[in-house]
Amino acid sequence: MFIQTESTPNPNTLKFLPGRDVAGAGALYDFPDAGAAARSPLAAEIFAVEGVARVFFGADFVAVTKSAGEWQHLKPAILGAIMEHFQMERPLIREAAPEAEAGSDAVLSEEDEDIVEQIMELIETRVRPAVAQDGGDIIFRSFDSQTGTVYLNMRGACSGCPSSTATLKGGIEKMLMHYIPEVTAVQAI
């Protein structure tokens, strides 16, 4: 088995491409710490490598964020964990479905529902595919119609990335404001 690696805009995150499905189409899993990784044998193995801070599973990749150490020292152990996982055909997740995509339980007016639908469509078709190429993901959480603010959750390589503010403000915010006049700002949560 050959696993490719790619750098991401976040210098602390490396993208591992095993050449096969990881989470599968539409499924994403974010493990912000070792405690959250208990439900995933692969995430737990990767967190066993000293210096690993976050693990994110995309459709066909694993993004690993380091807290300490150099990639040249961490990479062999992470590659070994990923290779062994797939060769042993272990399950990716022990239980539970993929994380929910939307995070707002607020009751919306019909007009706000239309705006949220437009926001989610743009994020799904234009933003998420682009950030997935960099080993991350951005999830819609809510829209505040009083202020015109869209709240997004940044995961994987996007979480803690030095470029994430520029992506959020210079890219996503401008795009949403262009297509949806009711949007006045975008904020990460």
N, C-alpha and C. Protein backbone atom coordinates (compact mmCIF):
# COMPACT_ATOMS: atom_id res chain seq x y z
N MET A 1 0.85 -1.18 0.00
CA MET A 1 0.00 0.00 0.00
C MET A 1 0.89 1.24 0.00
N PHE A 2 0.59 2.17 -0.89
CA PHE A 2 1.34 3.41 -0.98
C PHE A 2 0.45 4.56 -0.54
N ILE A 3 0.92 5.34 0.43
CA ILE A 3 0.17 6.47 0.95
C ILE A 3 0.92 7.74 0.57
N GLN A 4 0.26 8.61 -0.16
CA GLN A 4 0.85 9.89 -0.52
C GLN A 4 0.59 10.90 0.59
N THR A 5 1.42 11.91 0.65
CA THR A 5 1.19 13.01 1.58
C THR A 5 1.20 14.31 0.79
N GLU A 6 0.43 15.27 1.28
CA GLU A 6 0.38 16.60 0.69
C GLU A 6 0.44 17.62 1.80
N SER A 7 1.15 18.69 1.56
CA SER A 7 1.14 19.78 2.52
C SER A 7 -0.18 20.54 2.37
N THR A 8 -0.52 21.31 3.37
CA THR A 8 -1.74 22.12 3.36
C THR A 8 -1.32 23.56 3.66
N PRO A 9 -2.22 24.51 3.49
CA PRO A 9 -1.88 25.89 3.86
C PRO A 9 -1.52 26.05 5.34
N ASN A 10 -1.98 25.12 6.16
CA ASN A 10 -1.64 25.13 7.58
C ASN A 10 -0.33 24.35 7.75
N PRO A 11 0.76 25.00 8.11
CA PRO A 11 2.04 24.30 8.21
C PRO A 11 2.06 23.21 9.28
N ASN A 12 1.11 23.23 10.20
CA ASN A 12 1.03 22.21 11.24
C ASN A 12 0.15 21.03 10.85
N THR A 13 -0.42 21.06 9.65
CA THR A 13 -1.30 19.98 9.20
C THR A 13 -0.77 19.37 7.92
N LEU A 14 -0.77 18.04 7.89
CA LEU A 14 -0.34 17.29 6.72
C LEU A 14 -1.50 16.39 6.30
N LYS A 15 -1.71 16.28 5.01
CA LYS A 15 -2.80 15.48 4.45
C LYS A 15 -2.23 14.15 3.96
N PHE A 16 -2.80 13.04 4.41
CA PHE A 16 -2.38 11.70 4.04
C PHE A 16 -3.43 11.11 3.11
N LEU A 17 -3.01 10.64 1.95
CA LEU A 17 -3.92 10.10 0.93
C LEU A 17 -3.63 8.61 0.71
N PRO A 18 -4.45 7.72 1.30
CA PRO A 18 -4.17 6.29 1.19
C PRO A 18 -4.59 5.66 -0.14
N GLY A 19 -5.18 6.44 -1.05
CA GLY A 19 -5.57 5.89 -2.34
C GLY A 19 -6.85 5.06 -2.28
N ARG A 20 -7.65 5.29 -1.28
CA ARG A 20 -8.94 4.59 -1.12
C ARG A 20 -9.86 5.45 -0.26
N ASP A 21 -11.12 5.06 -0.20
CA ASP A 21 -12.06 5.80 0.65
C ASP A 21 -11.59 5.75 2.10
N VAL A 22 -11.75 6.86 2.77
CA VAL A 22 -11.47 6.90 4.20
C VAL A 22 -12.82 7.00 4.91
N ALA A 23 -13.45 8.17 4.90
CA ALA A 23 -14.77 8.32 5.52
C ALA A 23 -15.88 8.06 4.51
N GLY A 24 -15.57 8.11 3.23
CA GLY A 24 -16.58 7.92 2.19
C GLY A 24 -17.26 9.24 1.85
N ALA A 25 -17.96 9.23 0.74
CA ALA A 25 -18.63 10.43 0.25
C ALA A 25 -19.64 10.95 1.27
N GLY A 26 -19.55 12.22 1.57
CA GLY A 26 -20.52 12.87 2.46
C GLY A 26 -20.25 12.72 3.94
N ALA A 27 -19.35 11.84 4.33
CA ALA A 27 -19.05 11.64 5.75
C ALA A 27 -17.75 12.34 6.10
N LEU A 28 -17.75 13.01 7.23
CA LEU A 28 -16.56 13.70 7.74
C LEU A 28 -16.48 13.48 9.24
N TYR A 29 -15.29 13.28 9.74
CA TYR A 29 -15.10 13.09 11.17
C TYR A 29 -13.95 13.96 11.64
N ASP A 30 -14.19 14.72 12.69
CA ASP A 30 -13.17 15.61 13.25
C ASP A 30 -12.92 15.19 14.69
N PHE A 31 -11.67 14.94 15.02
CA PHE A 31 -11.27 14.56 16.37
C PHE A 31 -10.31 15.62 16.88
N PRO A 32 -10.83 16.60 17.64
CA PRO A 32 -9.99 17.71 18.09
C PRO A 32 -9.01 17.35 19.20
N ASP A 33 -9.16 16.16 19.79
CA ASP A 33 -8.23 15.73 20.82
C ASP A 33 -8.31 14.21 20.98
N ALA A 34 -7.39 13.65 21.75
CA ALA A 34 -7.32 12.20 21.92
C ALA A 34 -8.58 11.64 22.57
N GLY A 35 -9.20 12.39 23.46
CA GLY A 35 -10.42 11.93 24.12
C GLY A 35 -11.54 11.70 23.13
N ALA A 36 -11.66 12.55 22.15
CA ALA A 36 -12.71 12.41 21.13
C ALA A 36 -12.43 11.24 20.20
N ALA A 37 -11.19 10.76 20.16
CA ALA A 37 -10.80 9.70 19.23
C ALA A 37 -11.16 8.30 19.72
N ALA A 38 -11.71 8.18 20.90
CA ALA A 38 -12.00 6.86 21.46
C ALA A 38 -12.92 6.02 20.58
N ARG A 39 -13.78 6.67 19.79
CA ARG A 39 -14.72 5.92 18.95
C ARG A 39 -14.13 5.50 17.61
N SER A 40 -12.88 5.89 17.34
CA SER A 40 -12.24 5.53 16.08
C SER A 40 -10.90 4.84 16.33
N PRO A 41 -10.79 3.57 15.94
CA PRO A 41 -9.50 2.89 16.12
C PRO A 41 -8.35 3.59 15.40
N LEU A 42 -8.59 4.10 14.18
CA LEU A 42 -7.54 4.77 13.43
C LEU A 42 -7.13 6.09 14.10
N ALA A 43 -8.11 6.88 14.49
CA ALA A 43 -7.79 8.15 15.15
C ALA A 43 -7.03 7.90 16.45
N ALA A 44 -7.42 6.88 17.21
CA ALA A 44 -6.74 6.56 18.47
C ALA A 44 -5.28 6.17 18.21
N GLU A 45 -5.04 5.40 17.16
CA GLU A 45 -3.67 5.01 16.81
C GLU A 45 -2.83 6.22 16.40
N ILE A 46 -3.42 7.12 15.65
CA ILE A 46 -2.69 8.31 15.23
C ILE A 46 -2.39 9.21 16.43
N PHE A 47 -3.36 9.33 17.35
CA PHE A 47 -3.12 10.14 18.55
C PHE A 47 -2.06 9.52 19.47
N ALA A 48 -1.80 8.23 19.30
CA ALA A 48 -0.76 7.58 20.11
C ALA A 48 0.63 8.09 19.73
N VAL A 49 0.73 8.72 18.57
CA VAL A 49 2.01 9.31 18.14
C VAL A 49 2.19 10.62 18.89
N GLU A 50 3.27 10.73 19.62
CA GLU A 50 3.52 11.93 20.41
C GLU A 50 3.66 13.15 19.51
N GLY A 51 2.91 14.20 19.84
CA GLY A 51 2.96 15.44 19.07
C GLY A 51 1.74 15.66 18.19
N VAL A 52 0.84 14.66 18.09
CA VAL A 52 -0.38 14.80 17.29
C VAL A 52 -1.42 15.56 18.11
N ALA A 53 -2.02 16.60 17.49
CA ALA A 53 -2.98 17.45 18.19
C ALA A 53 -4.41 17.28 17.68
N ARG A 54 -4.59 16.89 16.41
CA ARG A 54 -5.93 16.81 15.83
C ARG A 54 -5.89 15.84 14.66
N VAL A 55 -7.00 15.11 14.46
CA VAL A 55 -7.14 14.18 13.34
C VAL A 55 -8.49 14.45 12.69
N PHE A 56 -8.48 14.50 11.37
CA PHE A 56 -9.69 14.77 10.60
C PHE A 56 -9.76 13.77 9.45
N PHE A 57 -10.92 13.09 9.31
CA PHE A 57 -11.12 12.15 8.20
C PHE A 57 -12.04 12.79 7.18
N GLY A 58 -11.56 12.90 5.95
CA GLY A 58 -12.37 13.35 4.83
C GLY A 58 -12.77 12.15 4.00
N ALA A 59 -13.39 12.40 2.87
CA ALA A 59 -13.86 11.31 2.00
C ALA A 59 -12.74 10.35 1.64
N ASP A 60 -11.59 10.89 1.23
CA ASP A 60 -10.49 10.03 0.78
C ASP A 60 -9.14 10.44 1.37
N PHE A 61 -9.16 11.11 2.51
CA PHE A 61 -7.91 11.54 3.12
C PHE A 61 -8.01 11.58 4.63
N VAL A 62 -6.83 11.62 5.24
CA VAL A 62 -6.69 11.81 6.69
C VAL A 62 -5.82 13.05 6.85
N ALA A 63 -6.31 14.06 7.54
CA ALA A 63 -5.52 15.26 7.83
C ALA A 63 -5.10 15.19 9.29
N VAL A 64 -3.81 15.34 9.52
CA VAL A 64 -3.26 15.26 10.88
C VAL A 64 -2.58 16.59 11.20
N THR A 65 -2.95 17.15 12.36
CA THR A 65 -2.35 18.40 12.83
C THR A 65 -1.44 18.08 13.99
N LYS A 66 -0.25 18.64 13.94
CA LYS A 66 0.73 18.40 15.01
C LYS A 66 0.76 19.58 15.96
N SER A 67 1.09 19.29 17.21
CA SER A 67 1.26 20.35 18.21
C SER A 67 2.73 20.59 18.47
N ALA A 68 3.52 19.58 18.22
CA ALA A 68 4.96 19.69 18.48
C ALA A 68 5.69 18.71 17.57
N GLY A 69 6.99 18.91 17.46
CA GLY A 69 7.81 17.99 16.68
C GLY A 69 7.88 18.38 15.22
N GLU A 70 8.72 17.67 14.51
CA GLU A 70 8.92 17.90 13.08
C GLU A 70 8.25 16.78 12.29
N TRP A 71 7.72 17.13 11.13
CA TRP A 71 7.04 16.14 10.30
C TRP A 71 7.95 14.96 9.97
N GLN A 72 9.22 15.20 9.77
CA GLN A 72 10.13 14.12 9.40
C GLN A 72 10.21 13.05 10.49
N HIS A 73 9.90 13.42 11.74
CA HIS A 73 9.90 12.45 12.84
C HIS A 73 8.52 11.86 13.07
N LEU A 74 7.48 12.63 12.83
CA LEU A 74 6.11 12.17 13.07
C LEU A 74 5.55 11.33 11.92
N LYS A 75 5.89 11.71 10.72
CA LYS A 75 5.30 11.11 9.53
C LYS A 75 5.43 9.58 9.45
N PRO A 76 6.59 8.98 9.72
CA PRO A 76 6.69 7.52 9.61
C PRO A 76 5.72 6.77 10.53
N ALA A 77 5.56 7.25 11.75
CA ALA A 77 4.64 6.59 12.69
C ALA A 77 3.19 6.74 12.25
N ILE A 78 2.84 7.91 11.73
CA ILE A 78 1.47 8.15 11.26
C ILE A 78 1.19 7.30 10.02
N LEU A 79 2.16 7.26 9.09
CA LEU A 79 2.00 6.41 7.91
C LEU A 79 1.82 4.95 8.31
N GLY A 80 2.59 4.50 9.29
CA GLY A 80 2.48 3.12 9.77
C GLY A 80 1.11 2.83 10.35
N ALA A 81 0.57 3.76 11.13
CA ALA A 81 -0.75 3.57 11.74
C ALA A 81 -1.84 3.49 10.66
N ILE A 82 -1.75 4.36 9.67
CA ILE A 82 -2.76 4.36 8.60
C ILE A 82 -2.66 3.08 7.77
N MET A 83 -1.43 2.69 7.42
CA MET A 83 -1.23 1.49 6.62
C MET A 83 -1.75 0.25 7.35
N GLU A 84 -1.39 0.10 8.60
CA GLU A 84 -1.83 -1.06 9.38
C GLU A 84 -3.35 -1.09 9.50
N HIS A 85 -3.96 0.07 9.73
CA HIS A 85 -5.41 0.14 9.86
C HIS A 85 -6.10 -0.43 8.62
N PHE A 86 -5.68 0.04 7.45
CA PHE A 86 -6.34 -0.41 6.22
C PHE A 86 -5.98 -1.84 5.85
N GLN A 87 -4.76 -2.27 6.12
CA GLN A 87 -4.39 -3.65 5.82
C GLN A 87 -5.12 -4.63 6.72
N MET A 88 -5.39 -4.24 7.95
CA MET A 88 -6.11 -5.11 8.89
C MET A 88 -7.63 -5.00 8.72
N GLU A 89 -8.05 -4.08 7.84
CA GLU A 89 -9.48 -3.86 7.55
C GLU A 89 -10.30 -3.58 8.81
N ARG A 90 -9.76 -2.73 9.65
CA ARG A 90 -10.46 -2.33 10.86
C ARG A 90 -11.53 -1.30 10.52
N PRO A 91 -12.56 -1.18 11.36
CA PRO A 91 -13.58 -0.15 11.10
C PRO A 91 -13.02 1.24 11.39
N LEU A 92 -13.49 2.21 10.65
CA LEU A 92 -13.05 3.59 10.86
C LEU A 92 -13.66 4.15 12.15
N ILE A 93 -14.95 3.88 12.33
CA ILE A 93 -15.71 4.37 13.48
C ILE A 93 -16.40 3.18 14.13
N ARG A 94 -16.36 3.12 15.46
CA ARG A 94 -16.98 2.01 16.18
C ARG A 94 -18.49 2.12 16.26
N GLU A 95 -19.00 3.34 16.39
CA GLU A 95 -20.45 3.56 16.50
C GLU A 95 -20.75 4.99 16.09
N ALA A 96 -21.98 5.30 16.01
CA ALA A 96 -22.48 6.65 15.71
C ALA A 96 -22.32 7.02 14.25
N ALA A 97 -23.21 7.87 13.82
CA ALA A 97 -23.23 8.35 12.44
C ALA A 97 -22.29 9.54 12.29
N PRO A 98 -22.00 9.94 11.04
CA PRO A 98 -21.18 11.13 10.84
C PRO A 98 -21.77 12.33 11.55
N GLU A 99 -20.92 13.29 11.86
CA GLU A 99 -21.35 14.48 12.57
C GLU A 99 -22.39 15.24 11.77
N ALA A 100 -23.29 15.87 12.49
CA ALA A 100 -24.34 16.66 11.83
C ALA A 100 -23.73 17.81 11.05
N GLU A 101 -24.31 18.10 9.93
CA GLU A 101 -23.79 19.16 9.07
C GLU A 101 -24.23 20.54 9.55
N ALA A 102 -25.46 20.68 9.98
CA ALA A 102 -25.94 21.99 10.42
C ALA A 102 -26.06 21.97 11.93
N GLY A 103 -25.78 23.10 12.56
CA GLY A 103 -25.77 23.11 14.00
C GLY A 103 -26.73 24.07 14.64
N SER A 104 -27.69 24.58 13.93
CA SER A 104 -28.60 25.56 14.51
C SER A 104 -29.97 24.93 14.75
N ASP A 105 -30.47 25.11 15.96
CA ASP A 105 -31.81 24.64 16.28
C ASP A 105 -32.80 25.79 16.32
N ALA A 106 -32.37 26.97 15.91
CA ALA A 106 -33.22 28.15 15.96
C ALA A 106 -34.40 28.01 15.01
N VAL A 107 -35.54 28.55 15.43
CA VAL A 107 -36.71 28.58 14.58
C VAL A 107 -36.56 29.80 13.67
N LEU A 108 -36.65 29.55 12.36
CA LEU A 108 -36.43 30.61 11.39
C LEU A 108 -37.73 31.01 10.71
N SER A 109 -37.81 32.28 10.35
CA SER A 109 -38.95 32.73 9.55
C SER A 109 -38.78 32.15 8.15
N GLU A 110 -39.85 32.21 7.35
CA GLU A 110 -39.79 31.67 6.00
C GLU A 110 -38.71 32.39 5.18
N GLU A 111 -38.60 33.72 5.35
CA GLU A 111 -37.58 34.48 4.62
C GLU A 111 -36.18 34.04 5.06
N ASP A 112 -35.98 33.87 6.38
CA ASP A 112 -34.69 33.42 6.88
C ASP A 112 -34.37 32.01 6.40
N GLU A 113 -35.38 31.16 6.31
CA GLU A 113 -35.17 29.80 5.81
C GLU A 113 -34.63 29.84 4.38
N ASP A 114 -35.17 30.72 3.55
CA ASP A 114 -34.68 30.86 2.17
C ASP A 114 -33.23 31.33 2.15
N ILE A 115 -32.90 32.28 3.02
CA ILE A 115 -31.53 32.80 3.08
C ILE A 115 -30.58 31.69 3.54
N VAL A 116 -30.95 30.96 4.57
CA VAL A 116 -30.12 29.88 5.08
C VAL A 116 -29.93 28.81 4.00
N GLU A 117 -30.98 28.51 3.27
CA GLU A 117 -30.88 27.52 2.19
C GLU A 117 -29.86 27.98 1.13
N GLN A 118 -29.90 29.26 0.78
CA GLN A 118 -28.94 29.81 -0.19
C GLN A 118 -27.51 29.75 0.35
N ILE A 119 -27.35 30.11 1.62
CA ILE A 119 -26.03 30.07 2.25
C ILE A 119 -25.48 28.65 2.22
N MET A 120 -26.30 27.71 2.64
CA MET A 120 -25.86 26.32 2.71
C MET A 120 -25.53 25.78 1.31
N GLU A 121 -26.31 26.17 0.32
CA GLU A 121 -26.04 25.74 -1.06
C GLU A 121 -24.68 26.24 -1.53
N LEU A 122 -24.38 27.53 -1.29
CA LEU A 122 -23.10 28.09 -1.70
C LEU A 122 -21.93 27.43 -0.96
N ILE A 123 -22.10 27.20 0.32
CA ILE A 123 -21.05 26.56 1.10
C ILE A 123 -20.82 25.14 0.60
N GLU A 124 -21.89 24.42 0.36
CA GLU A 124 -21.80 23.02 -0.08
C GLU A 124 -21.17 22.90 -1.47
N THR A 125 -21.54 23.78 -2.40
CA THR A 125 -21.09 23.63 -3.78
C THR A 125 -19.79 24.35 -4.10
N ARG A 126 -19.49 25.44 -3.39
CA ARG A 126 -18.30 26.24 -3.74
C ARG A 126 -17.21 26.22 -2.68
N VAL A 127 -17.58 26.20 -1.42
CA VAL A 127 -16.58 26.33 -0.36
C VAL A 127 -16.02 24.97 0.07
N ARG A 128 -16.89 24.05 0.43
CA ARG A 128 -16.43 22.78 0.99
C ARG A 128 -15.53 21.99 0.04
N PRO A 129 -15.84 21.92 -1.26
CA PRO A 129 -14.92 21.19 -2.15
C PRO A 129 -13.52 21.83 -2.19
N ALA A 130 -13.47 23.15 -2.14
CA ALA A 130 -12.17 23.84 -2.20
C ALA A 130 -11.36 23.60 -0.94
N VAL A 131 -11.97 23.71 0.23
CA VAL A 131 -11.21 23.52 1.46
C VAL A 131 -10.88 22.05 1.70
N ALA A 132 -11.69 21.13 1.16
CA ALA A 132 -11.36 19.70 1.28
C ALA A 132 -10.05 19.38 0.57
N GLN A 133 -9.77 20.08 -0.51
CA GLN A 133 -8.50 19.87 -1.21
C GLN A 133 -7.31 20.24 -0.34
N ASP A 134 -7.54 21.11 0.64
CA ASP A 134 -6.48 21.51 1.56
C ASP A 134 -6.53 20.74 2.88
N GLY A 135 -7.36 19.70 2.95
CA GLY A 135 -7.42 18.87 4.15
C GLY A 135 -8.32 19.39 5.25
N GLY A 136 -9.27 20.25 4.91
CA GLY A 136 -10.15 20.80 5.93
C GLY A 136 -11.61 20.74 5.54
N ASP A 137 -12.41 21.40 6.33
CA ASP A 137 -13.84 21.46 6.08
C ASP A 137 -14.41 22.67 6.79
N ILE A 138 -15.48 23.20 6.24
CA ILE A 138 -16.18 24.33 6.84
C ILE A 138 -17.66 23.97 6.87
N ILE A 139 -18.25 24.08 8.04
CA ILE A 139 -19.64 23.68 8.26
C ILE A 139 -20.46 24.89 8.67
N PHE A 140 -21.61 25.06 8.06
CA PHE A 140 -22.56 26.10 8.45
C PHE A 140 -23.11 25.78 9.82
N ARG A 141 -23.16 26.77 10.70
CA ARG A 141 -23.74 26.59 12.03
C ARG A 141 -25.01 27.40 12.22
N SER A 142 -24.99 28.69 11.84
CA SER A 142 -26.21 29.48 12.02
C SER A 142 -26.12 30.78 11.24
N PHE A 143 -27.27 31.43 11.14
CA PHE A 143 -27.37 32.75 10.51
C PHE A 143 -28.17 33.64 11.45
N ASP A 144 -27.60 34.78 11.81
CA ASP A 144 -28.28 35.75 12.66
C ASP A 144 -28.88 36.81 11.74
N SER A 145 -30.19 36.76 11.56
CA SER A 145 -30.85 37.69 10.62
C SER A 145 -30.85 39.13 11.14
N GLN A 146 -30.70 39.31 12.44
CA GLN A 146 -30.66 40.66 13.00
C GLN A 146 -29.38 41.40 12.59
N THR A 147 -28.27 40.67 12.59
CA THR A 147 -26.98 41.30 12.26
C THR A 147 -26.49 40.95 10.86
N GLY A 148 -27.09 39.94 10.25
CA GLY A 148 -26.65 39.49 8.93
C GLY A 148 -25.38 38.65 8.99
N THR A 149 -25.07 38.10 10.17
CA THR A 149 -23.84 37.34 10.37
C THR A 149 -24.07 35.84 10.17
N VAL A 150 -23.17 35.24 9.40
CA VAL A 150 -23.16 33.79 9.19
C VAL A 150 -22.07 33.22 10.09
N TYR A 151 -22.40 32.18 10.84
CA TYR A 151 -21.44 31.53 11.73
C TYR A 151 -21.07 30.18 11.15
N LEU A 152 -19.76 29.96 11.02
CA LEU A 152 -19.23 28.74 10.43
C LEU A 152 -18.27 28.06 11.40
N ASN A 153 -18.17 26.75 11.28
CA ASN A 153 -17.24 25.97 12.08
C ASN A 153 -16.16 25.46 11.15
N MET A 154 -14.91 25.75 11.47
CA MET A 154 -13.78 25.33 10.66
C MET A 154 -13.16 24.09 11.29
N ARG A 155 -12.95 23.06 10.45
CA ARG A 155 -12.46 21.79 10.96
C ARG A 155 -11.26 21.30 10.15
N GLY A 156 -10.61 20.29 10.67
CA GLY A 156 -9.46 19.72 9.98
C GLY A 156 -8.34 20.74 9.85
N ALA A 157 -7.72 20.79 8.68
CA ALA A 157 -6.60 21.70 8.46
C ALA A 157 -7.01 23.16 8.59
N CYS A 158 -8.30 23.46 8.40
CA CYS A 158 -8.77 24.85 8.51
C CYS A 158 -8.75 25.35 9.95
N SER A 159 -8.92 24.46 10.89
CA SER A 159 -8.93 24.84 12.29
C SER A 159 -7.53 25.21 12.74
N GLY A 160 -7.35 26.46 13.11
CA GLY A 160 -6.06 26.93 13.56
C GLY A 160 -5.08 27.29 12.46
N CYS A 161 -5.53 27.26 11.22
CA CYS A 161 -4.66 27.59 10.10
C CYS A 161 -4.42 29.10 10.03
N PRO A 162 -3.16 29.50 9.82
CA PRO A 162 -2.89 30.94 9.71
C PRO A 162 -3.64 31.60 8.55
N SER A 163 -3.95 30.84 7.50
CA SER A 163 -4.65 31.38 6.33
C SER A 163 -6.17 31.41 6.50
N SER A 164 -6.68 30.80 7.56
CA SER A 164 -8.13 30.64 7.69
C SER A 164 -8.87 31.97 7.78
N THR A 165 -8.30 32.96 8.44
CA THR A 165 -8.95 34.27 8.53
C THR A 165 -9.06 34.91 7.15
N ALA A 166 -7.99 34.80 6.37
CA ALA A 166 -8.03 35.35 5.01
C ALA A 166 -9.05 34.62 4.16
N THR A 167 -9.12 33.31 4.29
CA THR A 167 -10.10 32.52 3.55
C THR A 167 -11.51 32.91 3.96
N LEU A 168 -11.71 33.03 5.27
CA LEU A 168 -13.02 33.36 5.80
C LEU A 168 -13.48 34.75 5.36
N LYS A 169 -12.64 35.75 5.57
CA LYS A 169 -13.03 37.13 5.28
C LYS A 169 -12.86 37.48 3.80
N GLY A 170 -11.72 37.12 3.23
CA GLY A 170 -11.44 37.52 1.86
C GLY A 170 -12.13 36.68 0.81
N GLY A 171 -12.49 35.47 1.16
CA GLY A 171 -13.11 34.58 0.19
C GLY A 171 -14.57 34.31 0.46
N ILE A 172 -14.83 33.62 1.56
CA ILE A 172 -16.19 33.17 1.86
C ILE A 172 -17.11 34.35 2.14
N GLU A 173 -16.68 35.29 2.97
CA GLU A 173 -17.53 36.44 3.30
C GLU A 173 -17.87 37.25 2.05
N LYS A 174 -16.88 37.54 1.22
CA LYS A 174 -17.13 38.31 0.00
C LYS A 174 -18.08 37.58 -0.94
N MET A 175 -17.89 36.27 -1.08
CA MET A 175 -18.75 35.50 -1.97
C MET A 175 -20.20 35.51 -1.45
N LEU A 176 -20.38 35.23 -0.17
CA LEU A 176 -21.74 35.20 0.39
C LEU A 176 -22.40 36.57 0.29
N MET A 177 -21.65 37.64 0.58
CA MET A 177 -22.21 38.99 0.48
C MET A 177 -22.57 39.34 -0.96
N HIS A 178 -21.82 38.83 -1.92
CA HIS A 178 -22.09 39.09 -3.33
C HIS A 178 -23.41 38.44 -3.77
N TYR A 179 -23.61 37.19 -3.39
CA TYR A 179 -24.79 36.45 -3.83
C TYR A 179 -26.01 36.66 -2.94
N ILE A 180 -25.78 36.97 -1.67
CA ILE A 180 -26.88 37.09 -0.71
C ILE A 180 -26.75 38.45 0.01
N PRO A 181 -27.49 39.45 -0.41
CA PRO A 181 -27.34 40.80 0.16
C PRO A 181 -27.62 40.88 1.65
N GLU A 182 -28.38 39.95 2.19
CA GLU A 182 -28.70 39.97 3.62
C GLU A 182 -27.50 39.63 4.49
N VAL A 183 -26.49 38.98 3.90
CA VAL A 183 -25.28 38.62 4.64
C VAL A 183 -24.37 39.83 4.73
N THR A 184 -23.97 40.19 5.96
CA THR A 184 -23.08 41.32 6.16
C THR A 184 -21.73 40.93 6.74
N ALA A 185 -21.63 39.72 7.30
CA ALA A 185 -20.38 39.26 7.91
C ALA A 185 -20.36 37.75 8.05
N VAL A 186 -19.16 37.20 8.16
CA VAL A 186 -18.99 35.78 8.40
C VAL A 186 -18.01 35.65 9.56
N GLN A 187 -18.35 34.78 10.52
CA GLN A 187 -17.47 34.56 11.67
C GLN A 187 -17.30 33.08 11.93
N ALA A 188 -16.09 32.72 12.35
CA ALA A 188 -15.81 31.33 12.75
C ALA A 188 -16.20 31.14 14.21
N ILE A 189 -16.73 29.99 14.52
CA ILE A 189 -17.01 29.64 15.92
C ILE A 189 -16.31 28.35 16.27
